[in-house]
PDB file of N, CA and C in Angstrom:
ATOM      1  N   MET A   1       0.777  -1.181   0.008  1.00  0.00           N
ATOM      2  CA  MET A   1      -0.032   0.081  -0.032  1.00  0.00           C
ATOM      3  C   MET A   1       0.795   1.259  -0.047  1.00  0.00           C
ATOM      4  N   SER A   2       0.625   2.176  -0.736  1.00  0.00           N
ATOM      5  CA  SER A   2       1.453   3.426  -0.970  1.00  0.00           C
ATOM      6  C   SER A   2       1.076   4.248   0.163  1.00  0.00           C
ATOM      7  N   GLN A   3       1.947   5.301   0.379  1.00  0.00           N
ATOM      8  CA  GLN A   3       1.887   6.159   1.448  1.00  0.00           C
ATOM      9  C   GLN A   3       0.976   7.343   0.992  1.00  0.00           C
ATOM     10  N   PRO A   4       0.019   7.972   1.686  1.00  0.00           N
ATOM     11  CA  PRO A   4      -0.547   9.060   1.328  1.00  0.00           C
ATOM     12  C   PRO A   4       0.310  10.411   1.014  1.00  0.00           C
ATOM     13  N   GLU A   5      -0.212  11.224   0.037  1.00  0.00           N
ATOM     14  CA  GLU A   5       0.587  12.383  -0.490  1.00  0.00           C
ATOM     15  C   GLU A   5      -0.050  13.456  -0.045  1.00  0.00           C
ATOM     16  N   GLY A   6       0.833  14.758  -0.076  1.00  0.00           N
ATOM     17  CA  GLY A   6       0.313  15.918   0.162  1.00  0.00           C
ATOM     18  C   GLY A   6      -0.556  16.151   1.270  1.00  0.00           C
ATOM     19  N   ALA A   7      -1.789  16.820   1.052  1.00  0.00           N
ATOM     20  CA  ALA A   7      -2.694  16.895   2.067  1.00  0.00           C
ATOM     21  C   ALA A   7      -3.205  15.944   2.810  1.00  0.00           C
ATOM     22  N   CYS A   8      -3.373  14.941   2.125  1.00  0.00           N
ATOM     23  CA  CYS A   8      -3.869  13.697   2.807  1.00  0.00           C
ATOM     24  C   CYS A   8      -2.675  13.224   3.818  1.00  0.00           C
ATOM     25  N   ALA A   9      -1.640  13.231   3.404  1.00  0.00           N
ATOM     26  CA  ALA A   9      -0.409  12.893   4.314  1.00  0.00           C
ATOM     27  C   ALA A   9      -0.391  13.587   5.434  1.00  0.00           C
ATOM     28  N   ASP A  10      -0.417  14.987   5.460  1.00  0.00           N
ATOM     29  CA  ASP A  10      -0.541  15.849   6.484  1.00  0.00           C
ATOM     30  C   ASP A  10      -1.841  15.595   7.524  1.00  0.00           C
ATOM     31  N   ALA A  11      -2.827  15.404   6.854  1.00  0.00           N
ATOM     32  CA  ALA A  11      -3.980  15.293   7.644  1.00  0.00           C
ATOM     33  C   ALA A  11      -4.093  13.966   8.364  1.00  0.00           C
ATOM     34  N   ALA A  12      -3.377  12.915   7.880  1.00  0.00           N
ATOM     35  CA  ALA A  12      -3.276  11.719   8.518  1.00  0.00           C
ATOM     36  C   ALA A  12      -2.485  11.705   9.830  1.00  0.00           C
ATOM     37  N   LEU A  13      -1.580  12.685   9.840  1.00  0.00           N
ATOM     38  CA  LEU A  13      -0.557  12.817  10.873  1.00  0.00           C
ATOM     39  C   LEU A  13      -1.171  13.755  12.157  1.00  0.00           C
ATOM     40  N   GLN A  14      -2.309  14.281  11.799  1.00  0.00           N
ATOM     41  CA  GLN A  14      -2.843  15.356  12.698  1.00  0.00           C
ATOM     42  C   GLN A  14      -3.657  14.564  13.766  1.00  0.00           C
ATOM     43  N   PRO A  15      -3.829  15.128  14.912  1.00  0.00           N
ATOM     44  CA  PRO A  15      -4.761  14.572  15.967  1.00  0.00           C
ATOM     45  C   PRO A  15      -6.093  15.028  15.463  1.00  0.00           C
ATOM     46  N   ILE A  16      -7.073  13.941  15.984  1.00  0.00           N
ATOM     47  CA  ILE A  16      -8.553  14.336  15.736  1.00  0.00           C
ATOM     48  C   ILE A  16      -8.727  15.667  16.477  1.00  0.00           C
ATOM     49  N   ARG A  17      -9.464  16.513  15.626  1.00  0.00           N
ATOM     50  CA  ARG A  17      -9.808  17.758  16.085  1.00  0.00           C
ATOM     51  C   ARG A  17     -11.415  17.683  16.678  1.00  0.00           C
ATOM     52  N   ARG A  18     -11.672  18.539  17.692  1.00  0.00           N
ATOM     53  CA  ARG A  18     -13.026  18.665  18.318  1.00  0.00           C
ATOM     54  C   ARG A  18     -13.282  20.057  18.250  1.00  0.00           C
ATOM     55  N   ALA A  19     -14.654  20.164  18.346  1.00  0.00           N
ATOM     56  CA  ALA A  19     -15.207  21.735  18.470  1.00  0.00           C
ATOM     57  C   ALA A  19     -14.842  22.179  19.953  1.00  0.00           C
ATOM     58  N   GLU A  20     -14.465  23.566  19.822  1.00  0.00           N
ATOM     59  CA  GLU A  20     -13.924  24.225  20.975  1.00  0.00           C
ATOM     60  C   GLU A  20     -14.852  23.741  22.310  1.00  0.00           C
ATOM     61  N   GLY A  21     -14.075  23.268  23.276  1.00  0.00           N
ATOM     62  CA  GLY A  21     -14.748  23.043  24.443  1.00  0.00           C
ATOM     63  C   GLY A  21     -15.391  21.592  24.542  1.00  0.00           C
ATOM     64  N   GLU A  22     -15.557  21.163  23.462  1.00  0.00           N
ATOM     65  CA  GLU A  22     -16.272  19.672  23.462  1.00  0.00           C
ATOM     66  C   GLU A  22     -15.287  18.654  23.576  1.00  0.00           C
ATOM     67  N   PRO A  23     -15.581  17.553  24.332  1.00  0.00           N
ATOM     68  CA  PRO A  23     -14.922  16.365  24.442  1.00  0.00           C
ATOM     69  C   PRO A  23     -14.878  15.514  23.085  1.00  0.00           C
ATOM     70  N   LEU A  24     -13.888  14.816  22.752  1.00  0.00           N
ATOM     71  CA  LEU A  24     -13.724  14.131  21.476  1.00  0.00           C
ATOM     72  C   LEU A  24     -15.016  13.091  21.616  1.00  0.00           C
ATOM     73  N   PHE A  25     -15.103  12.368  22.868  1.00  0.00           N
ATOM     74  CA  PHE A  25     -16.187  11.342  23.149  1.00  0.00           C
ATOM     75  C   PHE A  25     -16.868  11.911  24.280  1.00  0.00           C
ATOM     76  N   ALA A  26     -18.178  11.829  24.132  1.00  0.00           N
ATOM     77  CA  ALA A  26     -18.988  12.405  25.245  1.00  0.00           C
ATOM     78  C   ALA A  26     -19.031  11.280  26.510  1.00  0.00           C
ATOM     79  N   GLU A  27     -18.793  10.085  26.215  1.00  0.00           N
ATOM     80  CA  GLU A  27     -18.713   8.885  27.309  1.00  0.00           C
ATOM     81  C   GLU A  27     -17.778   8.061  26.977  1.00  0.00           C
ATOM     82  N   PRO A  28     -17.040   7.378  27.794  1.00  0.00           N
ATOM     83  CA  PRO A  28     -16.199   6.369  27.491  1.00  0.00           C
ATOM     84  C   PRO A  28     -16.573   5.237  26.636  1.00  0.00           C
ATOM     85  N   TRP A  29     -17.845   4.849  26.788  1.00  0.00           N
ATOM     86  CA  TRP A  29     -18.486   3.675  25.866  1.00  0.00           C
ATOM     87  C   TRP A  29     -18.218   4.082  24.507  1.00  0.00           C
ATOM     88  N   GLU A  30     -18.461   5.403  24.034  1.00  0.00           N
ATOM     89  CA  GLU A  30     -18.415   5.812  22.612  1.00  0.00           C
ATOM     90  C   GLU A  30     -16.892   5.409  22.108  1.00  0.00           C
ATOM     91  N   ALA A  31     -15.841   5.781  22.829  1.00  0.00           N
ATOM     92  CA  ALA A  31     -14.649   5.453  22.303  1.00  0.00           C
ATOM     93  C   ALA A  31     -14.513   4.024  22.295  1.00  0.00           C
ATOM     94  N   GLN A  32     -14.715   3.321  23.198  1.00  0.00           N
ATOM     95  CA  GLN A  32     -14.646   1.890  23.407  1.00  0.00           C
ATOM     96  C   GLN A  32     -15.319   1.097  22.198  1.00  0.00           C
ATOM     97  N   ALA A  33     -16.441   1.378  21.854  1.00  0.00           N
ATOM     98  CA  ALA A  33     -17.389   0.944  20.787  1.00  0.00           C
ATOM     99  C   ALA A  33     -16.727   1.224  19.471  1.00  0.00           C
ATOM    100  N   LEU A  34     -16.093   2.417  19.254  1.00  0.00           N
ATOM    101  CA  LEU A  34     -15.401   2.867  18.064  1.00  0.00           C
ATOM    102  C   LEU A  34     -14.125   2.034  18.001  1.00  0.00           C
ATOM    103  N   ALA A  35     -13.402   1.735  19.279  1.00  0.00           N
ATOM    104  CA  ALA A  35     -12.184   1.017  19.107  1.00  0.00           C
ATOM    105  C   ALA A  35     -12.373  -0.365  18.718  1.00  0.00           C
ATOM    106  N   LEU A  36     -13.561  -1.001  19.286  1.00  0.00           N
ATOM    107  CA  LEU A  36     -13.798  -2.275  19.083  1.00  0.00           C
ATOM    108  C   LEU A  36     -14.145  -2.551  17.557  1.00  0.00           C
ATOM    109  N   ALA A  37     -14.838  -1.756  17.165  1.00  0.00           N
ATOM    110  CA  ALA A  37     -15.184  -1.700  15.637  1.00  0.00           C
ATOM    111  C   ALA A  37     -13.966  -1.721  14.712  1.00  0.00           C
ATOM    112  N   ILE A  38     -13.053  -0.876  15.185  1.00  0.00           N
ATOM    113  CA  ILE A  38     -11.746  -0.751  14.395  1.00  0.00           C
ATOM    114  C   ILE A  38     -10.889  -2.031  14.436  1.00  0.00           C
ATOM    115  N   ALA A  39     -10.770  -2.499  15.722  1.00  0.00           N
ATOM    116  CA  ALA A  39      -9.996  -3.498  16.026  1.00  0.00           C
ATOM    117  C   ALA A  39     -10.509  -4.739  15.306  1.00  0.00           C
ATOM    118  N   LEU A  40     -11.877  -5.083  15.300  1.00  0.00           N
ATOM    119  CA  LEU A  40     -12.418  -6.179  14.531  1.00  0.00           C
ATOM    120  C   LEU A  40     -12.234  -6.124  13.091  1.00  0.00           C
ATOM    121  N   GLN A  41     -12.368  -4.873  12.416  1.00  0.00           N
ATOM    122  CA  GLN A  41     -12.058  -4.772  11.202  1.00  0.00           C
ATOM    123  C   GLN A  41     -10.506  -4.983  10.870  1.00  0.00           C
ATOM    124  N   GLN A  42      -9.533  -4.549  11.584  1.00  0.00           N
ATOM    125  CA  GLN A  42      -8.220  -4.648  11.536  1.00  0.00           C
ATOM    126  C   GLN A  42      -7.928  -6.058  11.619  1.00  0.00           C
ATOM    127  N   SER A  43      -8.600  -6.852  12.315  1.00  0.00           N
ATOM    128  CA  SER A  43      -8.204  -8.295  12.566  1.00  0.00           C
ATOM    129  C   SER A  43      -8.887  -9.149  11.586  1.00  0.00           C
ATOM    130  N   GLY A  44      -9.364  -8.667  10.561  1.00  0.00           N
ATOM    131  CA  GLY A  44      -9.919  -9.299   9.333  1.00  0.00           C
ATOM    132  C   GLY A  44     -11.460  -9.863   9.622  1.00  0.00           C
ATOM    133  N   CYS A  45     -12.056  -9.539  10.812  1.00  0.00           N
ATOM    134  CA  CYS A  45     -13.503  -9.981  11.052  1.00  0.00           C
ATOM    135  C   CYS A  45     -14.471  -9.486   9.862  1.00  0.00           C
ATOM    136  N   TYR A  46     -14.327  -8.229   9.494  1.00  0.00           N
ATOM    137  CA  TYR A  46     -15.030  -7.817   8.331  1.00  0.00           C
ATOM    138  C   TYR A  46     -14.091  -6.590   7.623  1.00  0.00           C
ATOM    139  N   THR A  47     -14.868  -6.422   6.485  1.00  0.00           N
ATOM    140  CA  THR A  47     -13.936  -5.383   5.585  1.00  0.00           C
ATOM    141  C   THR A  47     -14.312  -3.894   6.034  1.00  0.00           C
ATOM    142  N   ALA A  48     -13.696  -3.046   5.473  1.00  0.00           N
ATOM    143  CA  ALA A  48     -14.008  -1.581   5.482  1.00  0.00           C
ATOM    144  C   ALA A  48     -15.188  -1.343   5.005  1.00  0.00           C
ATOM    145  N   VAL A  49     -15.533  -2.041   3.860  1.00  0.00           N
ATOM    146  CA  VAL A  49     -16.702  -1.819   2.956  1.00  0.00           C
ATOM    147  C   VAL A  49     -17.983  -2.508   3.947  1.00  0.00           C
ATOM    148  N   GLU A  50     -17.780  -3.459   4.421  1.00  0.00           N
ATOM    149  CA  GLU A  50     -18.783  -4.032   5.316  1.00  0.00           C
ATOM    150  C   GLU A  50     -19.122  -3.295   6.435  1.00  0.00           C
ATOM    151  N   TRP A  51     -18.038  -2.619   7.204  1.00  0.00           N
ATOM    152  CA  TRP A  51     -18.293  -1.812   8.229  1.00  0.00           C
ATOM    153  C   TRP A  51     -19.203  -0.217   7.656  1.00  0.00           C
ATOM    154  N   ALA A  52     -18.580   0.249   6.700  1.00  0.00           N
ATOM    155  CA  ALA A  52     -19.136   1.378   6.172  1.00  0.00           C
ATOM    156  C   ALA A  52     -20.673   1.028   5.684  1.00  0.00           C
ATOM    157  N   ASP A  53     -20.893  -0.130   5.254  1.00  0.00           N
ATOM    158  CA  ASP A  53     -22.333  -0.359   4.942  1.00  0.00           C
ATOM    159  C   ASP A  53     -23.286  -0.674   6.026  1.00  0.00           C
ATOM    160  N   ALA A  54     -22.640  -1.268   6.938  1.00  0.00           N
ATOM    161  CA  ALA A  54     -23.414  -1.506   8.177  1.00  0.00           C
ATOM    162  C   ALA A  54     -23.695  -0.201   9.185  1.00  0.00           C
ATOM    163  N   LEU A  55     -22.765   0.639   9.060  1.00  0.00           N
ATOM    164  CA  LEU A  55     -22.958   1.925   9.792  1.00  0.00           C
ATOM    165  C   LEU A  55     -23.890   2.800   8.902  1.00  0.00           C
ATOM    166  N   GLY A  56     -23.753   2.825   7.614  1.00  0.00           N
ATOM    167  CA  GLY A  56     -24.741   3.528   6.700  1.00  0.00           C
ATOM    168  C   GLY A  56     -26.030   2.922   7.001  1.00  0.00           C
ATOM    169  N   ALA A  57     -26.178   1.701   7.098  1.00  0.00           N
ATOM    170  CA  ALA A  57     -27.654   1.115   7.319  1.00  0.00           C
ATOM    171  C   ALA A  57     -28.210   1.483   8.657  1.00  0.00           C
ATOM    172  N   ALA A  58     -27.354   1.428   9.680  1.00  0.00           N
ATOM    173  CA  ALA A  58     -27.711   1.845  11.091  1.00  0.00           C
ATOM    174  C   ALA A  58     -28.199   3.214  11.079  1.00  0.00           C
ATOM    175  N   ILE A  59     -27.608   4.192  10.426  1.00  0.00           N
ATOM    176  CA  ILE A  59     -28.011   5.466  10.427  1.00  0.00           C
ATOM    177  C   ILE A  59     -29.201   5.512   9.605  1.00  0.00           C
ATOM    178  N   LYS A  60     -29.406   5.132   8.553  1.00  0.00           N
ATOM    179  CA  LYS A  60     -30.749   5.161   7.705  1.00  0.00           C
ATOM    180  C   LYS A  60     -31.818   4.538   8.550  1.00  0.00           C
ATOM    181  N   ARG A  61     -31.633   3.455   9.382  1.00  0.00           N
ATOM    182  CA  ARG A  61     -32.688   2.867   9.957  1.00  0.00           C
ATOM    183  C   ARG A  61     -33.175   3.904  11.192  1.00  0.00           C
ATOM    184  N   ALA A  62     -32.169   4.539  11.809  1.00  0.00           N
ATOM    185  CA  ALA A  62     -32.479   5.429  12.742  1.00  0.00           C
ATOM    186  C   ALA A  62     -33.139   6.901  12.252  1.00  0.00           C
ATOM    187  N   GLN A  63     -32.814   7.150  11.013  1.00  0.00           N
ATOM    188  CA  GLN A  63     -33.414   8.302  10.439  1.00  0.00           C
ATOM    189  C   GLN A  63     -34.690   8.076   9.937  1.00  0.00           C
ATOM    190  N   ALA A  64     -35.059   6.824   9.547  1.00  0.00           N
ATOM    191  CA  ALA A  64     -36.420   6.411   9.478  1.00  0.00           C
ATOM    192  C   ALA A  64     -37.253   6.403  10.300  1.00  0.00           C
ATOM    193  N   ALA A  65     -36.775   6.187  11.596  1.00  0.00           N
ATOM    194  CA  ALA A  65     -37.414   5.975  12.832  1.00  0.00           C
ATOM    195  C   ALA A  65     -37.502   7.436  13.609  1.00  0.00           C
ATOM    196  N   GLY A  66     -37.040   8.425  12.926  1.00  0.00           N
ATOM    197  CA  GLY A  66     -37.257   9.731  13.488  1.00  0.00           C
ATOM    198  C   GLY A  66     -36.146  10.267  14.124  1.00  0.00           C
ATOM    199  N   ASP A  67     -34.796   9.704  14.148  1.00  0.00           N
ATOM    200  CA  ASP A  67     -33.477  10.260  14.727  1.00  0.00           C
ATOM    201  C   ASP A  67     -33.447  11.524  14.298  1.00  0.00           C
ATOM    202  N   LEU A  68     -32.819  12.526  15.222  1.00  0.00           N
ATOM    203  CA  LEU A  68     -32.740  13.791  15.185  1.00  0.00           C
ATOM    204  C   LEU A  68     -31.838  14.115  13.933  1.00  0.00           C
ATOM    205  N   ASP A  69     -30.750  13.295  13.804  1.00  0.00           N
ATOM    206  CA  ASP A  69     -29.710  13.375  12.866  1.00  0.00           C
ATOM    207  C   ASP A  69     -28.911  14.784  12.909  1.00  0.00           C
ATOM    208  N   ASP A  70     -28.691  14.916  14.301  1.00  0.00           N
ATOM    209  CA  ASP A  70     -27.891  16.161  14.688  1.00  0.00           C
ATOM    210  C   ASP A  70     -26.578  15.627  15.102  1.00  0.00           C
ATOM    211  N   GLY A  71     -26.010  14.408  14.956  1.00  0.00           N
ATOM    212  CA  GLY A  71     -24.770  14.006  15.311  1.00  0.00           C
ATOM    213  C   GLY A  71     -24.713  13.635  16.832  1.00  0.00           C
ATOM    214  N   SER A  72     -25.725  13.868  17.630  1.00  0.00           N
ATOM    215  CA  SER A  72     -25.769  13.491  19.072  1.00  0.00           C
ATOM    216  C   SER A  72     -25.943  12.015  19.209  1.00  0.00           C
ATOM    217  N   THR A  73     -26.339  11.320  18.365  1.00  0.00           N
ATOM    218  CA  THR A  73     -26.682   9.735  18.366  1.00  0.00           C
ATOM    219  C   THR A  73     -25.677   8.951  17.511  1.00  0.00           C
ATOM    220  N   TYR A  74     -24.715   9.696  17.084  1.00  0.00           N
ATOM    221  CA  TYR A  74     -23.627   8.944  16.164  1.00  0.00           C
ATOM    222  C   TYR A  74     -23.203   7.764  16.747  1.00  0.00           C
ATOM    223  N   TYR A  75     -22.831   7.706  18.009  1.00  0.00           N
ATOM    224  CA  TYR A  75     -22.155   6.466  18.544  1.00  0.00           C
ATOM    225  C   TYR A  75     -23.252   5.390  18.890  1.00  0.00           C
ATOM    226  N   HIS A  76     -24.391   5.846  18.948  1.00  0.00           N
ATOM    227  CA  HIS A  76     -25.653   4.807  19.047  1.00  0.00           C
ATOM    228  C   HIS A  76     -25.509   4.040  17.790  1.00  0.00           C
ATOM    229  N   HIS A  77     -25.347   4.708  16.501  1.00  0.00           N
ATOM    230  CA  HIS A  77     -25.310   4.008  15.233  1.00  0.00           C
ATOM    231  C   HIS A  77     -24.233   3.209  15.258  1.00  0.00           C
ATOM    232  N   VAL A  78     -22.965   3.564  15.686  1.00  0.00           N
ATOM    233  CA  VAL A  78     -21.735   2.777  15.799  1.00  0.00           C
ATOM    234  C   VAL A  78     -22.044   1.431  16.549  1.00  0.00           C
ATOM    235  N   LEU A  79     -22.625   1.657  17.580  1.00  0.00           N
ATOM    236  CA  LEU A  79     -22.979   0.392  18.544  1.00  0.00           C
ATOM    237  C   LEU A  79     -23.944  -0.449  17.605  1.00  0.00           C
ATOM    238  N   SER A  80     -24.969   0.046  17.092  1.00  0.00           N
ATOM    239  CA  SER A  80     -25.970  -0.763  16.313  1.00  0.00           C
ATOM    240  C   SER A  80     -25.298  -1.412  15.161  1.00  0.00           C
ATOM    241  N   ALA A  81     -24.355  -0.881  14.489  1.00  0.00           N
ATOM    242  CA  ALA A  81     -23.805  -1.413  13.279  1.00  0.00           C
ATOM    243  C   ALA A  81     -22.693  -2.396  13.982  1.00  0.00           C
ATOM    244  N   LEU A  82     -22.090  -2.139  15.015  1.00  0.00           N
ATOM    245  CA  LEU A  82     -21.118  -3.133  15.482  1.00  0.00           C
ATOM    246  C   LEU A  82     -22.123  -4.444  15.932  1.00  0.00           C
ATOM    247  N   GLU A  83     -23.070  -4.225  16.567  1.00  0.00           N
ATOM    248  CA  GLU A  83     -23.948  -5.451  17.117  1.00  0.00           C
ATOM    249  C   GLU A  83     -24.248  -6.148  15.828  1.00  0.00           C
ATOM    250  N   HIS A  84     -24.697  -5.511  14.756  1.00  0.00           N
ATOM    251  CA  HIS A  84     -25.290  -6.159  13.655  1.00  0.00           C
ATOM    252  C   HIS A  84     -24.186  -7.013  12.895  1.00  0.00           C
ATOM    253  N   LEU A  85     -22.994  -6.424  12.796  1.00  0.00           N
ATOM    254  CA  LEU A  85     -21.882  -7.263  12.333  1.00  0.00           C
ATOM    255  C   LEU A  85     -21.450  -8.262  12.968  1.00  0.00           C
ATOM    256  N   VAL A  86     -21.445  -8.184  14.305  1.00  0.00           N
ATOM    257  CA  VAL A  86     -20.883  -9.379  15.219  1.00  0.00           C
ATOM    258  C   VAL A  86     -21.850 -10.516  15.061  1.00  0.00           C
ATOM    259  N   GLN A  87     -23.031 -10.200  14.950  1.00  0.00           N
ATOM    260  CA  GLN A  87     -24.140 -11.175  14.730  1.00  0.00           C
ATOM    261  C   GLN A  87     -24.148 -11.862  13.286  1.00  0.00           C
ATOM    262  N   GLU A  88     -23.986 -11.009  12.421  1.00  0.00           N
ATOM    263  CA  GLU A  88     -23.829 -11.367  10.971  1.00  0.00           C
ATOM    264  C   GLU A  88     -22.624 -12.255  10.760  1.00  0.00           C
ATOM    265  N   LYS A  89     -21.568 -11.976  11.357  1.00  0.00           N
ATOM    266  CA  LYS A  89     -20.390 -12.765  11.243  1.00  0.00           C
ATOM    267  C   LYS A  89     -20.100 -13.798  12.047  1.00  0.00           C
ATOM    268  N   LYS A  90     -21.157 -14.065  12.953  1.00  0.00           N
ATOM    269  CA  LYS A  90     -21.115 -15.095  14.011  1.00  0.00           C
ATOM    270  C   LYS A  90     -20.078 -15.122  14.977  1.00  0.00           C
ATOM    271  N   ILE A  91     -19.734 -13.791  15.362  1.00  0.00           N
ATOM    272  CA  ILE A  91     -18.599 -13.582  16.275  1.00  0.00           C
ATOM    273  C   ILE A  91     -19.280 -13.686  17.718  1.00  0.00           C
ATOM    274  N   ALA A  92     -20.623 -13.258  17.925  1.00  0.00           N
ATOM    275  CA  ALA A  92     -21.436 -13.475  19.029  1.00  0.00           C
ATOM    276  C   ALA A  92     -22.832 -13.509  18.656  1.00  0.00           C
ATOM    277  N   THR A  93     -23.569 -14.228  19.366  1.00  0.00           N
ATOM    278  CA  THR A  93     -25.153 -14.300  19.110  1.00  0.00           C
ATOM    279  C   THR A  93     -25.900 -13.065  19.721  1.00  0.00           C
ATOM    280  N   ALA A  94     -26.991 -12.928  19.403  1.00  0.00           N
ATOM    281  CA  ALA A  94     -27.888 -12.062  20.012  1.00  0.00           C
ATOM    282  C   ALA A  94     -28.057 -12.298  21.547  1.00  0.00           C
ATOM    283  N   ASP A  95     -28.273 -13.661  21.798  1.00  0.00           N
ATOM    284  CA  ASP A  95     -28.540 -13.992  23.186  1.00  0.00           C
ATOM    285  C   ASP A  95     -27.177 -13.593  24.072  1.00  0.00           C
ATOM    286  N   LEU A  96     -25.927 -13.815  23.585  1.00  0.00           N
ATOM    287  CA  LEU A  96     -24.717 -13.426  24.138  1.00  0.00           C
ATOM    288  C   LEU A  96     -24.516 -12.051  24.473  1.00  0.00           C
ATOM    289  N   LEU A  97     -24.951 -11.279  23.402  1.00  0.00           N
ATOM    290  CA  LEU A  97     -24.971  -9.762  23.466  1.00  0.00           C
ATOM    291  C   LEU A  97     -25.946  -9.266  24.607  1.00  0.00           C
ATOM    292  N   ALA A  98     -26.998  -9.792  24.704  1.00  0.00           N
ATOM    293  CA  ALA A  98     -28.056  -9.367  25.554  1.00  0.00           C
ATOM    294  C   ALA A  98     -27.828  -9.859  27.036  1.00  0.00           C
ATOM    295  N   ALA A  99     -27.120 -11.169  27.102  1.00  0.00           N
ATOM    296  CA  ALA A  99     -26.597 -11.499  28.575  1.00  0.00           C
ATOM    297  C   ALA A  99     -25.528 -10.512  29.016  1.00  0.00           C
ATOM    298  N   LYS A 100     -24.590 -10.148  27.972  1.00  0.00           N
ATOM    299  CA  LYS A 100     -23.495  -9.111  28.583  1.00  0.00           C
ATOM    300  C   LYS A 100     -23.989  -8.047  28.760  1.00  0.00           C
ATOM    301  N   LYS A 101     -24.951  -7.495  28.115  1.00  0.00           N
ATOM    302  CA  LYS A 101     -25.606  -6.022  28.437  1.00  0.00           C
ATOM    303  C   LYS A 101     -26.361  -6.160  29.790  1.00  0.00           C
ATOM    304  N   ALA A 102     -26.932  -7.362  30.003  1.00  0.00           N
ATOM    305  CA  ALA A 102     -27.726  -7.474  31.477  1.00  0.00           C
ATOM    306  C   ALA A 102     -26.689  -7.466  32.617  1.00  0.00           C
ATOM    307  N   ALA A 103     -25.563  -8.100  32.283  1.00  0.00           N
ATOM    308  CA  ALA A 103     -24.457  -8.319  33.235  1.00  0.00           C
ATOM    309  C   ALA A 103     -24.024  -6.937  33.648  1.00  0.00           C
ATOM    310  N   TRP A 104     -23.670  -6.126  32.483  1.00  0.00           N
ATOM    311  CA  TRP A 104     -22.976  -4.774  32.737  1.00  0.00           C
ATOM    312  C   TRP A 104     -24.043  -3.943  33.604  1.00  0.00           C
ATOM    313  N   ILE A 105     -25.362  -3.895  33.193  1.00  0.00           N
ATOM    314  CA  ILE A 105     -26.405  -3.160  33.907  1.00  0.00           C
ATOM    315  C   ILE A 105     -26.338  -3.526  35.326  1.00  0.00           C
ATOM    316  N   GLU A 106     -26.381  -4.788  35.631  1.00  0.00           N
ATOM    317  CA  GLU A 106     -26.393  -5.337  36.957  1.00  0.00           C
ATOM    318  C   GLU A 106     -25.152  -4.772  37.803  1.00  0.00           C
ATOM    319  N   ALA A 107     -23.984  -5.131  37.089  1.00  0.00           N
ATOM    320  CA  ALA A 107     -22.772  -4.448  37.748  1.00  0.00           C
ATOM    321  C   ALA A 107     -22.802  -2.808  38.032  1.00  0.00           C
ATOM    322  N   TYR A 108     -23.334  -2.268  36.957  1.00  0.00           N
ATOM    323  CA  TYR A 108     -23.368  -0.753  37.102  1.00  0.00           C
ATOM    324  C   TYR A 108     -24.279  -0.365  38.160  1.00  0.00           C
ATOM    325  N   GLU A 109     -25.448  -1.090  38.444  1.00  0.00           N
ATOM    326  CA  GLU A 109     -26.384  -0.615  39.360  1.00  0.00           C
ATOM    327  C   GLU A 109     -25.840  -0.998  40.733  1.00  0.00           C
ATOM    328  N   HIS A 110     -24.894  -1.800  40.788  1.00  0.00           N
ATOM    329  CA  HIS A 110     -24.374  -2.431  42.256  1.00  0.00           C
ATOM    330  C   HIS A 110     -23.125  -2.007  42.417  1.00  0.00           C
ATOM    331  N   THR A 111     -22.651  -0.852  41.837  1.00  0.00           N
ATOM    332  CA  THR A 111     -21.331  -0.475  42.100  1.00  0.00           C
ATOM    333  C   THR A 111     -21.440   0.992  42.645  1.00  0.00           C
ATOM    334  N   PRO A 112     -20.528   1.014  43.878  1.00  0.00           N
ATOM    335  CA  PRO A 112     -20.685   2.275  44.678  1.00  0.00           C
ATOM    336  C   PRO A 112     -20.209   3.534  43.609  1.00  0.00           C
ATOM    337  N   HIS A 113     -20.662   4.594  43.865  1.00  0.00           N
ATOM    338  CA  HIS A 113     -20.339   5.706  43.116  1.00  0.00           C
ATOM    339  C   HIS A 113     -18.928   6.187  43.307  1.00  0.00           C
ATOM    340  N   GLY A 114     -18.200   6.386  42.215  1.00  0.00           N
ATOM    341  CA  GLY A 114     -16.602   6.549  42.087  1.00  0.00           C
ATOM    342  C   GLY A 114     -16.001   5.312  42.048  1.00  0.00           C
ATOM    343  N   LYS A 115     -16.534   4.285  42.090  1.00  0.00           N
ATOM    344  CA  LYS A 115     -15.684   3.108  41.937  1.00  0.00           C
ATOM    345  C   LYS A 115     -15.873   2.281  40.608  1.00  0.00           C
ATOM    346  N   PRO A 116     -14.814   1.735  39.925  1.00  0.00           N
ATOM    347  CA  PRO A 116     -14.992   1.194  38.571  1.00  0.00           C
ATOM    348  C   PRO A 116     -15.990   0.226  38.526  1.00  0.00           C
ATOM    349  N   VAL A 117     -16.532   0.204  37.444  1.00  0.00           N
ATOM    350  CA  VAL A 117     -17.845  -0.969  37.244  1.00  0.00           C
ATOM    351  C   VAL A 117     -16.875  -2.182  36.715  1.00  0.00           C
ATOM    352  N   GLU A 118     -17.010  -3.364  37.343  1.00  0.00           N
ATOM    353  CA  GLU A 118     -16.330  -4.653  36.865  1.00  0.00           C
ATOM    354  C   GLU A 118     -17.461  -5.692  36.741  1.00  0.00           C
ATOM    355  N   LEU A 119     -17.208  -6.532  35.811  1.00  0.00           N
ATOM    356  CA  LEU A 119     -17.953  -7.755  35.686  1.00  0.00           C
ATOM    357  C   LEU A 119     -17.324  -8.831  36.663  1.00  0.00           C
ATOM    358  N   ARG A 120     -18.077  -9.559  37.326  1.00  0.00           N
ATOM    359  CA  ARG A 120     -17.597 -10.692  38.118  1.00  0.00           C
ATOM    360  C   ARG A 120     -17.600 -12.024  37.354  1.00  0.00           C
TER     361      ARG A 120
END
């Protein structure tokens, strides 16, 4: 693969920019979901085209359901696309995803304020 040239090369070396005063990610789970999606793609679990198609489809479903489409729900779409792909590629079943989500909710609800949430 060739190296990017010109402005693309310069842009590739720059940190991700954010709006003045706004965090890059509003919540840690947003960064974690995106990082997992990237890691699975880089591991060959799915292609960049499959990821783009899944994310685009998740956004279209949300828009059809009345999503505000103002950027505030973007990482919900990332999570939806990720869940779709891991099920489609048989990385995890819907039942396993639901069980893990329930376990995290249970752990969160029983973790004292200020302590890290951990699955047991």
